[in-house]
């Protein structure tokens, strides 16, 4: 149920209580058997399927409000839920349930000369805060992943998806209760008051262990600037596709169209196409024609507009813009050196792809481009935890600490050391 909390002090009190309840639930989850967590997850997916009509109805309220607020078609597509998409959400929860439980897994083990046996073992992080915008499916993905990894989670969705997320959350709670787990293991902030975000960034009285932001640049920058707890940064997806001189043309056309147009509103959508100037006369026109026929607006540099007059001239801002729409910026570069230089200057370190048959060029791309995900001869839209076999993800971490790339169940754990002795004392 969604609420408007009367004032800032009420918000602070409510959030502190949520934090305390989450900490208590986290202690219970840390020792919950894998079978119980799996049972809860399967009950959640069943509840999502059974509640599909209610979720669609709640989403209809959000969609209507979004249209009235003037949300773009891309943002409305992010927001929209259909029976098919709800089935996909439930399927993701099933996939998470089928994953091996990470808690207690031995990451490494070794023996010391003095006879001590040392193990590094996965443990839950504790209480995770997830702050996200638009995508109501994050409610289920984040809740399920955190539970699988033995963590409690506090979810704060965007106001534009509030009704959809609340309806999905109700199904998650139903699954928890059916398995005998505390409902407080997955909590949804029941107010659209932005003060709730501020309270989460303060750490909820020490009860919040990490924050995962998932949204636009303004949200992520606020979290990074104000958070008093560790952050798994998920910056914008300014993804690049580089077509090398050695690229197979048919493959390049197919990948370019898919990378940009399969779903334009996701963070793994290609925003900039780079092409080796050496094959501009053979490769550029077929690729841009296919993109245009798929409904994509082309914004190109001066050389691109000469070859493809229908393209609009690109500005400097285009090279650093995450469109999340059917728009792509296109630039010709001097081979792999030019591509690496451009990506190094403009990339958000999310995902980059290369289409090439030259193994030496691919090796340089993989070695010298420093982004969380690099792909060879494949669409950037594979930048997804589900496609990586992780069941789902909370987001794509673009930082360099602890987690990088898709944040799945393993990335939502820490570790501890277990040391076994036979009476050793230190001299």
Foldseek 3Di string as FASTA:
>chain_A
DADAQDDLVRLLVVLLVLLVLQQVLLVVLQPDDLVLLLQLLLQLLVLLLVCVVVLQVLLVVLLVVCVVVPPDPLLSVLQHDDSVNSNVLSQLSNLLSPDDQQFQDFPDWDADPVGKIKTKGWTFLEEEEEEEERHLSLLSQVLSQNSSLSYAYEYEYAPSNLSSNVSSLVSSLSSCVVSVRDSSSYHYPRYNPCSNVVSVLAPSVVSHAEYEYYYAQVRQVCSVVRHPHHYLGFYAQAEEEEEFPQFDQVLVLVQLQCLCPVRLQDRLRHAEYEYAPVCCVPRVVSNVVSLVVSPAAEAEDPVSCVVPVSHHHDDPVSLQDSPSDRYHYYYYANGLVRVLVSCVVRGLLAEYEYGHDDPVSVVCCVVRRRHLYYYYSHHSVCQFCVSVSLSGASHARGDDPQDHGGHGNSSSIDIDMDMDDDDDDDD
